Amino acid sequence: MRLLIKNGRVVDPSSGTDKRLDVLIEKGKITQIKPKISASGAKLIDASGLIVAPGFIDMHVHLREPGQENKETIATGALAAARGGFTSIACMPNTYPVNDNRGVTEYILSEARKNAAVNVFPIASITKGEKGEELTDMADLIDAGAIAFSDDGMPVQSSQVMRRALEYSKILNTVIIDHCEDKYLSADGVMHEGYYSYLFGLRGIPSSSEETMVSRDIILANRADAAIHIAHLSVKGAVELVKEAKRKKVKVTAEVTPHHLFLTDSLIESYDTQLKVNPPLRSKEDTLALKQAVKNGTIDVFATDHAPHTVDEKDVEFDRAPFGINGLETAVPLLLDKLVNKNIISLSRFIEMISTNPALILKLENKGRISVGADADLTILNLEKEIVVDVNSFKSKSRNNPFQGWELRGGPEMTIVGGKIVYSSSSSKNA
């Protein structure tokens, strides 16, 4: 399909572009970017008053397939991503079986080619079975299509194993993504350790459980001269560690989720299990530090940590409920409303963190930019779109989202993947 996007404000941080331009798409690639393009026979998209951005990339998603298709599938997760404005998603390896061998990686890619509305990139596990003991065959997994490595919610506790993983990742020119949690310190905690955990009578997860592992990873990455990406930063102390490491030129990048930016541990007074996440919602002081780190460049990426669960799983006592928030369909409106519209960050900075930087970190060469020859993955935004979050309208199989009923301004109007329109909404009021 030939598409001609007319009259949109093209914002591309990779080239510094921010002006009204037309964009022509042919055979899945961007072929022209300039004012007043004419292309007979092309499908016309009038983007007047809208933002045309490089396709958004979520580098931290749980798709649950294979093994837990009752929570989410590759197909439903991709539909949720498209509706949320994401053209590419990278899926974590904590499936059943774990994505620790080329058979699982190839299965995910095969299912994605057949059923996914967006690009799906598998992240393989660092260790076999995510047990933290024996490294996977990282070279074979990359050959099969894996783009990064993580043990995600079962982070590698052995410093020696993590050191070897970083050394191999350096040789293979890939990145290690770490959920930084010292399991001995977090133990059986279910929320942030502090005033509110004592008040509510719930076991706490201390800030030190994250800070300790962030510090370890930075030291080991510096020693190996390897790239380390810190998943879902949540505490002020860890932010300071990343900031100092960047000053010293360590190859460290970091992400933050909308829920860690906009929710705090005080809300758990309701004992609403939709608020139970790992790392947990932290203090107001932590959220302020995270916002400042977004502004000053310490944090590189917005990611959702999309973690779908069934209604029955979450409908239990707080102690017993699984960790996780369904985030793909609310992330963009939340970030636009709470950060861009309030002038905390610029629109260009927002796009850099949700498109340009993830593409660079994951080495997705033809994504995260609007340029001739790049993949025609585009997200079209309406900054004035009025949205009321309605979990019952989600494309995802799951509904575990704490933002139900929130009124937001700004969201995706259209999602284009490889020149194909995979989501379009000109009148919907819900997200």
Protein backbone atom coordinates (compact mmCIF):
# COMPACT_ATOMS: atom_id res chain seq x y z
CA MET A 1 0.00 0.00 0.00
CA ARG A 2 1.13 3.53 -0.80
CA LEU A 3 0.28 6.00 1.94
CA LEU A 4 0.62 9.76 1.82
CA ILE A 5 0.45 11.52 5.17
CA LYS A 6 -0.35 15.19 4.56
CA ASN A 7 -0.04 18.32 6.69
CA GLY A 8 1.24 16.69 9.87
CA ARG A 9 3.75 18.13 12.31
CA VAL A 10 6.66 15.73 11.88
CA VAL A 11 8.70 15.41 15.09
CA ASP A 12 11.81 13.25 14.80
CA PRO A 13 14.41 13.68 17.58
CA SER A 14 17.00 11.61 15.69
CA SER A 15 17.30 14.33 13.04
CA GLY A 16 16.11 17.31 15.05
CA THR A 17 13.08 17.68 12.76
CA ASP A 18 10.01 19.53 14.06
CA LYS A 19 8.02 21.06 11.22
CA ARG A 20 5.00 20.61 9.01
CA LEU A 21 5.85 18.05 6.31
CA ASP A 22 4.27 15.37 4.17
CA VAL A 23 5.46 11.75 4.38
CA LEU A 24 5.18 9.26 1.52
CA ILE A 25 5.26 5.54 2.24
CA GLU A 26 5.81 2.89 -0.45
CA LYS A 27 6.36 -0.84 -0.03
CA GLY A 28 6.69 -0.53 3.73
CA LYS A 29 9.41 2.12 3.63
CA ILE A 30 9.50 5.90 3.91
CA THR A 31 10.40 7.24 0.46
CA GLN A 32 9.83 10.99 0.71
CA ILE A 33 9.67 13.59 3.50
CA LYS A 34 9.08 17.14 2.34
CA PRO A 35 6.37 19.79 1.99
CA LYS A 36 3.52 19.34 -0.47
CA ILE A 37 4.17 15.87 -1.86
CA SER A 38 1.95 14.70 -4.72
CA ALA A 39 1.46 10.96 -5.24
CA SER A 40 -1.36 9.81 -7.47
CA GLY A 41 -3.02 6.58 -6.36
CA ALA A 42 -1.74 6.77 -2.79
CA LYS A 43 -4.13 6.47 0.15
CA LEU A 44 -4.35 9.92 1.72
CA ILE A 45 -4.14 10.51 5.46
CA ASP A 46 -4.87 14.07 6.53
CA ALA A 47 -2.76 14.71 9.62
CA SER A 48 -3.69 18.38 10.02
CA GLY A 49 -3.38 19.33 13.68
CA LEU A 50 -1.71 16.01 14.50
CA ILE A 51 1.81 14.88 15.39
CA VAL A 52 3.62 12.41 13.13
CA ALA A 53 6.27 10.59 15.19
CA PRO A 54 8.59 7.64 14.61
CA GLY A 55 6.82 4.48 15.75
CA PHE A 56 6.83 3.99 19.51
CA ILE A 57 8.81 1.06 20.93
CA ASP A 58 8.08 -0.65 24.25
CA MET A 59 11.18 -2.56 25.25
CA HIS A 60 9.64 -4.22 28.32
CA VAL A 61 6.50 -6.29 27.68
CA HIS A 62 5.19 -9.65 28.92
CA LEU A 63 3.18 -11.48 26.25
CA ARG A 64 2.71 -14.70 28.27
CA GLU A 65 2.79 -16.94 25.17
CA PRO A 66 3.82 -19.73 25.18
CA GLY A 67 2.32 -21.21 28.32
CA GLN A 68 -0.07 -18.65 29.82
CA GLU A 69 -2.37 -17.81 26.94
CA ASN A 70 -5.25 -17.32 29.37
CA LYS A 71 -3.57 -14.04 30.40
CA GLU A 72 -2.35 -12.79 27.02
CA THR A 73 -1.26 -14.05 23.63
CA ILE A 74 1.17 -12.67 21.11
CA ALA A 75 -1.84 -11.64 19.00
CA THR A 76 -3.79 -9.89 21.77
CA GLY A 77 -0.71 -8.24 23.22
CA ALA A 78 0.17 -6.89 19.78
CA LEU A 79 -3.37 -5.54 19.33
CA ALA A 80 -3.10 -3.79 22.68
CA ALA A 81 0.25 -2.36 21.63
CA ALA A 82 -1.16 -1.05 18.35
CA ARG A 83 -4.06 0.61 20.15
CA GLY A 84 -1.60 2.11 22.60
CA GLY A 85 0.46 3.66 19.80
CA PHE A 86 3.32 1.15 19.83
CA THR A 87 4.66 -0.19 16.55
CA SER A 88 7.25 -2.49 18.15
CA ILE A 89 7.41 -4.41 21.41
CA ALA A 90 10.18 -6.49 22.99
CA CYS A 91 8.88 -9.42 25.02
CA MET A 92 10.45 -10.78 28.18
CA PRO A 93 11.49 -14.45 28.44
CA ASN A 94 9.46 -15.54 31.48
CA THR A 95 7.16 -17.76 29.43
CA TYR A 96 6.44 -21.48 29.96
CA PRO A 97 8.80 -22.86 28.83
CA VAL A 98 11.28 -20.03 29.42
CA ASN A 99 12.73 -18.47 26.29
CA ASP A 100 16.17 -19.92 26.93
CA ASN A 101 16.68 -21.81 23.66
CA ARG A 102 16.26 -21.16 19.94
CA GLY A 103 13.10 -23.29 19.75
CA VAL A 104 11.12 -20.88 21.94
CA THR A 105 12.63 -17.80 20.26
CA GLU A 106 11.72 -19.15 16.83
CA TYR A 107 8.20 -20.03 18.02
CA ILE A 108 7.61 -16.46 19.23
CA LEU A 109 8.85 -15.01 15.96
CA SER A 110 6.77 -17.45 13.91
CA GLU A 111 3.58 -16.66 15.83
CA ALA A 112 4.32 -12.94 15.56
CA ARG A 113 4.71 -13.16 11.78
CA LYS A 114 1.36 -14.93 11.51
CA ASN A 115 -0.70 -13.12 14.13
CA ALA A 116 0.86 -9.91 15.43
CA ALA A 117 -0.28 -6.46 14.33
CA VAL A 118 3.06 -4.93 15.40
CA ASN A 119 6.73 -5.92 15.35
CA VAL A 120 7.62 -8.38 18.11
CA PHE A 121 11.22 -8.78 19.23
CA PRO A 122 12.08 -11.61 21.68
CA ILE A 123 14.33 -11.02 24.67
CA ALA A 124 15.96 -14.29 25.73
CA SER A 125 16.94 -15.33 29.24
CA ILE A 126 20.44 -14.85 30.60
CA THR A 127 20.45 -18.20 32.36
CA LYS A 128 18.83 -21.53 31.63
CA GLY A 129 15.35 -21.67 33.10
CA GLU A 130 15.96 -18.24 34.65
CA LYS A 131 17.55 -20.14 37.53
CA GLY A 132 20.59 -17.86 37.74
CA GLU A 133 23.10 -20.70 37.51
CA GLU A 134 24.14 -21.61 33.95
CA LEU A 135 24.34 -19.17 31.05
CA THR A 136 22.24 -19.79 27.97
CA ASP A 137 23.84 -20.19 24.56
CA MET A 138 23.65 -16.48 23.87
CA ALA A 139 25.22 -16.65 20.43
CA ASP A 140 22.72 -19.28 19.26
CA LEU A 141 19.81 -17.27 20.66
CA ILE A 142 20.95 -14.16 18.81
CA ASP A 143 21.22 -16.22 15.64
CA ALA A 144 17.63 -17.38 16.25
CA GLY A 145 16.41 -13.76 16.56
CA ALA A 146 16.80 -12.67 20.19
CA ILE A 147 17.74 -9.00 20.51
CA ALA A 148 18.72 -8.77 24.20
CA PHE A 149 18.99 -10.84 27.39
CA SER A 150 17.27 -10.66 30.76
CA ASP A 151 16.18 -12.96 33.57
CA ASP A 152 13.53 -10.33 34.32
CA GLY A 153 11.59 -11.01 37.54
CA MET A 154 14.07 -13.74 38.53
CA PRO A 155 17.18 -11.54 38.40
CA VAL A 156 20.63 -13.12 38.49
CA GLN A 157 21.73 -13.11 42.13
CA SER A 158 25.24 -14.44 41.50
CA SER A 159 27.68 -11.65 40.70
CA GLN A 160 30.00 -14.14 39.04
CA VAL A 161 27.27 -15.34 36.66
CA MET A 162 26.28 -11.74 35.86
CA ARG A 163 29.93 -10.87 35.23
CA ARG A 164 30.23 -13.69 32.69
CA ALA A 165 26.96 -12.69 31.04
CA LEU A 166 28.18 -9.12 30.61
CA GLU A 167 31.50 -10.31 29.21
CA TYR A 168 29.74 -12.46 26.60
CA SER A 169 27.29 -9.67 25.79
CA LYS A 170 30.25 -7.42 25.01
CA ILE A 171 31.62 -9.98 22.55
CA LEU A 172 28.18 -10.45 20.96
CA ASN A 173 27.43 -6.69 20.80
CA THR A 174 24.15 -7.06 22.66
CA VAL A 175 22.66 -5.66 25.86
CA ILE A 176 21.83 -7.15 29.24
CA ILE A 177 18.56 -5.89 30.76
CA ASP A 178 18.35 -6.34 34.52
CA HIS A 179 15.45 -6.23 36.94
CA CYS A 180 17.57 -5.02 39.84
CA GLU A 181 16.42 -6.76 42.98
CA ASP A 182 18.40 -8.42 45.74
CA LYS A 183 16.00 -11.24 46.55
CA TYR A 184 17.60 -11.73 49.96
CA LEU A 185 16.72 -8.17 50.90
CA SER A 186 13.26 -8.06 49.33
CA ALA A 187 12.44 -11.52 50.77
CA ASP A 188 8.64 -11.91 50.88
CA GLY A 189 7.85 -8.20 50.66
CA VAL A 190 4.72 -7.05 48.83
CA MET A 191 5.02 -3.24 48.90
CA HIS A 192 7.59 -0.50 49.48
CA GLU A 193 9.18 -0.67 52.92
CA GLY A 194 8.48 2.51 54.84
CA TYR A 195 5.89 4.42 56.80
CA TYR A 196 2.93 3.06 54.84
CA SER A 197 3.99 -0.59 54.91
CA TYR A 198 4.11 -0.40 58.71
CA LEU A 199 0.80 1.50 58.81
CA PHE A 200 -0.96 -1.01 56.54
CA GLY A 201 0.62 -4.09 58.14
CA LEU A 202 2.19 -5.37 54.90
CA ARG A 203 5.68 -6.81 54.43
CA GLY A 204 8.04 -4.28 52.89
CA ILE A 205 10.54 -4.32 50.03
CA PRO A 206 13.37 -1.93 50.94
CA SER A 207 14.92 0.58 48.55
CA SER A 208 18.26 -1.09 49.24
CA SER A 209 17.12 -4.24 47.39
CA GLU A 210 17.17 -2.21 44.18
CA GLU A 211 20.11 0.07 44.99
CA THR A 212 22.40 -2.85 45.86
CA MET A 213 21.89 -4.56 42.51
CA VAL A 214 22.06 -1.36 40.46
CA SER A 215 25.42 -0.65 42.08
CA ARG A 216 26.65 -4.20 41.41
CA ASP A 217 25.57 -4.11 37.77
CA ILE A 218 27.25 -0.77 37.16
CA ILE A 219 30.52 -2.04 38.65
CA LEU A 220 30.44 -5.25 36.60
CA ALA A 221 29.42 -3.51 33.37
CA ASN A 222 32.24 -1.02 33.81
CA ARG A 223 34.73 -3.82 34.36
CA ALA A 224 33.54 -5.66 31.24
CA ASP A 225 33.07 -2.47 29.20
CA ALA A 226 29.63 -3.88 28.41
CA ALA A 227 26.18 -2.35 28.03
CA ILE A 228 23.74 -2.71 30.93
CA HIS A 229 20.15 -1.50 30.84
CA ILE A 230 18.40 -1.04 34.19
CA ALA A 231 14.74 -1.98 34.00
CA HIS A 232 12.01 0.03 35.74
CA LEU A 233 14.00 2.31 38.05
CA SER A 234 11.90 3.09 41.10
CA VAL A 235 14.00 4.67 43.88
CA LYS A 236 15.94 7.90 44.31
CA GLY A 237 19.13 6.17 45.41
CA ALA A 238 19.25 4.03 42.25
CA VAL A 239 18.69 7.14 40.11
CA GLU A 240 21.70 8.78 41.76
CA LEU A 241 23.82 5.68 41.08
CA VAL A 242 22.89 5.72 37.39
CA LYS A 243 23.55 9.45 37.12
CA GLU A 244 27.02 9.08 38.62
CA ALA A 245 27.80 6.07 36.41
CA LYS A 246 26.87 8.05 33.31
CA ARG A 247 29.14 10.87 34.46
CA LYS A 248 31.93 8.28 34.55
CA LYS A 249 31.00 7.08 31.03
CA VAL A 250 29.82 3.63 32.08
CA LYS A 251 27.62 2.09 29.35
CA VAL A 252 24.45 2.21 31.42
CA THR A 253 20.92 3.12 30.34
CA ALA A 254 17.70 3.04 32.32
CA GLU A 255 13.93 3.00 31.95
CA VAL A 256 10.95 4.11 34.01
CA THR A 257 7.29 3.10 33.90
CA PRO A 258 4.26 5.41 34.06
CA HIS A 259 3.04 3.73 37.24
CA HIS A 260 6.28 4.46 39.06
CA LEU A 261 6.11 8.08 37.92
CA PHE A 262 2.49 8.78 38.82
CA LEU A 263 1.51 6.46 41.71
CA THR A 264 2.86 6.19 45.25
CA ASP A 265 2.82 3.68 48.08
CA SER A 266 0.27 5.73 50.06
CA LEU A 267 -2.44 4.57 47.62
CA ILE A 268 -2.14 1.00 48.91
CA GLU A 269 -4.34 2.07 51.82
CA SER A 270 -7.12 0.69 49.59
CA TYR A 271 -5.41 -2.74 49.43
CA ASP A 272 -6.28 -2.70 45.72
CA THR A 273 -4.24 -5.49 44.14
CA GLN A 274 -4.11 -3.56 40.84
CA LEU A 275 -1.48 -1.47 42.66
CA LYS A 276 0.74 -4.44 43.46
CA VAL A 277 3.84 -4.33 41.26
CA ASN A 278 7.50 -5.29 41.45
CA PRO A 279 9.43 -3.11 42.02
CA PRO A 280 6.69 -1.71 44.23
CA LEU A 281 5.15 1.73 44.10
CA ARG A 282 7.54 3.91 46.07
CA SER A 283 7.40 7.13 48.11
CA LYS A 284 6.54 10.61 46.89
CA GLU A 285 10.22 11.54 47.25
CA ASP A 286 11.10 8.72 44.85
CA THR A 287 8.53 9.76 42.23
CA LEU A 288 9.84 13.33 42.32
CA ALA A 289 13.39 12.02 41.78
CA LEU A 290 12.21 9.90 38.85
CA LYS A 291 10.52 12.87 37.19
CA GLN A 292 13.68 14.95 37.62
CA ALA A 293 15.74 12.12 36.11
CA VAL A 294 13.41 12.06 33.10
CA LYS A 295 13.91 15.81 32.68
CA ASN A 296 17.70 15.82 33.01
CA GLY A 297 18.39 12.77 30.85
CA THR A 298 19.47 10.32 33.57
CA ILE A 299 16.59 8.05 32.56
CA ASP A 300 16.63 7.17 28.85
CA VAL A 301 13.43 5.25 28.16
CA PHE A 302 9.73 5.02 28.96
CA ALA A 303 8.60 1.38 29.17
CA THR A 304 5.36 -0.18 30.38
CA ASP A 305 6.42 -3.48 31.99
CA HIS A 306 3.06 -4.67 30.61
CA ALA A 307 2.23 -7.60 32.91
CA PRO A 308 -1.23 -9.03 32.23
CA HIS A 309 -3.02 -11.24 34.77
CA THR A 310 -6.49 -12.74 34.94
CA VAL A 311 -9.25 -11.21 37.05
CA ASP A 312 -9.30 -14.24 39.35
CA GLU A 313 -5.58 -14.03 40.02
CA LYS A 314 -5.84 -10.42 41.15
CA ASP A 315 -9.11 -10.89 43.05
CA VAL A 316 -7.44 -12.19 46.22
CA GLU A 317 -5.81 -10.78 49.35
CA PHE A 318 -3.01 -8.28 48.66
CA ASP A 319 -0.34 -10.65 50.01
CA ARG A 320 -1.40 -13.42 47.64
CA ALA A 321 -1.95 -11.45 44.42
CA PRO A 322 0.65 -11.59 41.63
CA PHE A 323 2.75 -8.53 40.87
CA GLY A 324 1.98 -6.61 37.68
CA ILE A 325 0.07 -3.91 35.80
CA ASN A 326 -1.40 -4.06 32.31
CA GLY A 327 0.14 -0.96 30.73
CA LEU A 328 0.23 -0.94 26.93
CA GLU A 329 -3.04 0.92 26.36
CA THR A 330 -2.65 3.65 28.96
CA ALA A 331 1.06 4.57 28.87
CA VAL A 332 1.01 7.13 26.06
CA PRO A 333 -2.03 9.10 27.29
CA LEU A 334 -0.61 9.15 30.83
CA LEU A 335 2.80 10.41 29.73
CA LEU A 336 1.34 13.03 27.39
CA ASP A 337 -1.14 14.30 29.96
CA LYS A 338 1.10 14.25 33.04
CA LEU A 339 4.46 15.24 31.52
CA VAL A 340 4.15 16.85 28.09
CA ASN A 341 0.94 18.81 28.64
CA LYS A 342 2.24 20.06 31.98
CA ASN A 343 5.52 21.21 30.34
CA ILE A 344 7.64 18.94 32.50
CA ILE A 345 9.27 17.62 29.32
CA SER A 346 9.02 18.65 25.68
CA LEU A 347 7.19 16.64 23.06
CA SER A 348 10.54 15.91 21.40
CA ARG A 349 11.98 14.57 24.66
CA PHE A 350 8.92 12.34 25.12
CA ILE A 351 9.32 10.89 21.61
CA GLU A 352 13.06 10.41 22.14
CA MET A 353 12.37 8.34 25.26
CA ILE A 354 9.62 6.20 23.75
CA SER A 355 11.02 5.69 20.23
CA THR A 356 14.50 6.97 19.42
CA ASN A 357 16.32 5.71 22.52
CA PRO A 358 14.75 2.22 22.66
CA ALA A 359 15.72 1.73 19.01
CA LEU A 360 19.31 2.74 19.76
CA ILE A 361 19.61 0.58 22.88
CA LEU A 362 18.18 -2.49 21.13
CA LYS A 363 20.07 -1.72 17.90
CA LEU A 364 16.94 -1.61 15.72
CA GLU A 365 18.65 0.18 12.85
CA ASN A 366 15.65 1.09 10.70
CA LYS A 367 13.34 2.05 13.53
CA GLY A 368 12.99 5.00 15.89
CA ARG A 369 13.44 7.60 13.15
CA ILE A 370 11.63 9.24 10.26
CA SER A 371 14.02 9.25 7.34
CA VAL A 372 14.10 8.10 3.73
CA GLY A 373 14.74 4.36 3.64
CA ALA A 374 13.62 3.75 7.24
CA ASP A 375 10.83 1.31 8.04
CA ALA A 376 7.42 2.95 7.70
CA ASP A 377 6.57 2.55 11.39
CA LEU A 378 4.79 5.71 12.53
CA THR A 379 2.68 6.83 15.46
CA ILE A 380 0.26 9.69 14.83
CA LEU A 381 -0.73 11.59 17.97
CA ASN A 382 -3.62 13.86 18.81
CA LEU A 383 -2.50 16.06 21.70
CA GLU A 384 -6.04 17.36 22.26
CA LYS A 385 -7.77 13.98 22.33
CA GLU A 386 -9.96 13.60 25.42
CA ILE A 387 -9.65 10.15 26.96
CA VAL A 388 -11.34 8.35 29.84
CA VAL A 389 -9.58 5.12 30.76
CA ASP A 390 -11.96 2.17 30.46
CA VAL A 391 -10.35 -1.20 31.10
CA ASN A 392 -13.37 -2.97 29.61
CA SER A 393 -12.49 -1.55 26.20
CA PHE A 394 -8.93 -2.94 26.23
CA LYS A 395 -7.71 -5.06 23.34
CA SER A 396 -5.55 -6.93 25.84
CA LYS A 397 -7.02 -10.05 27.42
CA SER A 398 -6.35 -8.69 30.89
CA ARG A 399 -7.86 -5.79 32.86
CA ASN A 400 -5.39 -5.35 35.74
CA ASN A 401 -4.85 -1.61 35.43
CA PRO A 402 -5.10 0.92 38.29
CA PHE A 403 -5.95 3.93 36.10
CA GLN A 404 -9.60 3.04 35.52
CA GLY A 405 -11.68 6.21 35.15
CA TRP A 406 -8.75 8.60 34.87
CA GLU A 407 -9.45 11.53 32.52
CA LEU A 408 -6.48 12.28 30.28
CA ARG A 409 -5.66 14.54 27.35
CA GLY A 410 -3.58 13.32 24.42
CA GLY A 411 -3.20 9.91 22.83
CA PRO A 412 -2.57 7.89 19.68
CA GLU A 413 -4.79 8.63 16.70
CA MET A 414 -3.25 6.12 14.31
CA THR A 415 -0.57 3.43 14.38
CA ILE A 416 1.20 2.44 11.17
CA VAL A 417 3.48 -0.61 10.96
CA GLY A 418 5.44 -1.33 7.80
CA GLY A 419 3.18 1.01 5.85
CA LYS A 420 0.01 -0.72 7.08
CA ILE A 421 -2.57 1.01 9.31
CA VAL A 422 -2.98 -1.34 12.29
CA TYR A 423 -4.97 1.04 14.50
CA SER A 424 -7.05 4.10 13.75
CA SER A 425 -9.37 6.13 15.96
CA SER A 426 -10.86 9.50 15.10
CA SER A 427 -13.79 9.54 17.51
CA SER A 428 -13.25 7.11 20.41
CA LYS A 429 -13.35 8.71 23.84
CA ASN A 430 -12.04 5.70 25.74
CA ALA A 431 -8.64 4.15 26.32
